[in-house]
Amino acid sequence: MSKDNQLKGSDSIGEAWLDDSGTIHMHLSRTSDGQDLNAVFTYLKTDPNYEKILQHLGGLIQGEKKLVPPWKNELPR
């Protein structure tokens, strides 16, 4: 986990990482309102939501893992 990621584990809804090709992978373990969830999302660089997801995560570098903060309004697609 990145030292720069200031979320506590209990505040996150999952974890995300960036692979060598620049693809974002997110494993979400709960929803923003606290319900249990087991979902994996993958965002290729060509995905129209790629930049929005990257911004939500506060940026990522290859090989880095970060906790995913809850979405306040809109869920990822």
Protein backbone atom coordinates (compact mmCIF):
# COMPACT_ATOMS: atom_id res chain seq x y z
CA MET A 1 0.00 0.00 0.00
CA SER A 2 1.31 3.46 -0.80
CA LYS A 3 2.54 5.54 2.13
CA ASP A 4 0.89 8.54 0.44
CA ASN A 5 -2.53 6.93 0.70
CA GLN A 6 -3.99 8.59 3.79
CA LEU A 7 -7.19 6.51 4.01
CA LYS A 8 -7.57 4.13 6.87
CA GLY A 9 -8.62 0.61 5.88
CA SER A 10 -12.03 1.14 7.49
CA ASP A 11 -12.59 4.26 5.35
CA SER A 12 -11.89 2.53 2.04
CA ILE A 13 -14.21 0.47 -0.12
CA GLY A 14 -11.46 -1.62 -1.69
CA GLU A 15 -8.07 -1.39 -3.33
CA ALA A 16 -6.76 -0.40 -6.74
CA TRP A 17 -3.53 -0.93 -8.64
CA LEU A 18 -1.99 -0.02 -11.97
CA ASP A 19 -0.40 -2.80 -14.01
CA ASP A 20 2.55 -2.57 -16.42
CA SER A 21 0.27 -1.76 -19.37
CA GLY A 22 -1.32 1.18 -17.54
CA THR A 23 -4.58 -0.66 -16.87
CA ILE A 24 -6.32 0.24 -13.61
CA HIS A 25 -7.68 -2.70 -11.59
CA MET A 26 -10.05 -2.16 -8.67
CA HIS A 27 -11.27 -4.79 -6.25
CA LEU A 28 -14.20 -3.35 -4.29
CA SER A 29 -15.20 -5.09 -1.06
CA ARG A 30 -18.08 -2.84 -0.02
CA THR A 31 -20.31 -0.12 -1.40
CA SER A 32 -20.06 3.55 -0.44
CA ASP A 33 -22.94 3.03 1.99
CA GLY A 34 -21.22 0.05 3.68
CA GLN A 35 -22.93 -2.96 2.08
CA ASP A 36 -20.74 -6.00 1.40
CA LEU A 37 -19.58 -6.35 -2.18
CA ASN A 38 -17.11 -8.48 -4.12
CA ALA A 39 -16.49 -6.86 -7.50
CA VAL A 40 -13.52 -6.31 -9.78
CA PHE A 41 -13.41 -3.44 -12.26
CA THR A 42 -10.79 -3.05 -14.99
CA TYR A 43 -10.18 0.21 -16.84
CA LEU A 44 -8.02 0.21 -19.96
CA LYS A 45 -6.37 3.49 -20.99
CA THR A 46 -8.94 3.71 -23.80
CA ASP A 47 -11.91 3.52 -21.39
CA PRO A 48 -13.88 6.81 -21.37
CA ASN A 49 -13.93 6.72 -17.53
CA TYR A 50 -10.18 6.06 -17.16
CA GLU A 51 -9.17 9.62 -16.25
CA LYS A 52 -12.13 10.06 -13.89
CA ILE A 53 -11.18 6.87 -12.02
CA LEU A 54 -7.51 7.84 -11.93
CA GLN A 55 -8.41 11.25 -10.47
CA HIS A 56 -10.71 9.65 -7.89
CA LEU A 57 -7.80 7.49 -6.76
CA GLY A 58 -5.49 10.49 -6.55
CA GLY A 59 -3.27 9.12 -9.30
CA LEU A 60 -1.37 5.82 -9.49
CA ILE A 61 2.04 4.72 -10.65
CA GLN A 62 2.79 1.30 -12.09
CA GLY A 63 2.94 -1.37 -9.41
CA GLU A 64 1.42 0.89 -6.75
CA LYS A 65 -1.61 -0.22 -4.71
CA LYS A 66 -3.96 2.27 -3.10
CA LEU A 67 -7.08 2.12 -0.99
CA VAL A 68 -10.20 3.24 -2.86
CA PRO A 69 -12.13 6.08 -1.20
CA PRO A 70 -15.92 5.90 -1.32
CA TRP A 71 -17.72 7.74 -4.10
CA LYS A 72 -19.84 10.59 -2.82
CA ASN A 73 -22.25 10.89 -5.74
CA GLU A 74 -21.65 8.69 -8.76
CA LEU A 75 -20.43 5.09 -8.86
CA PRO A 76 -17.82 3.93 -11.40
CA ARG A 77 -18.94 2.27 -14.60
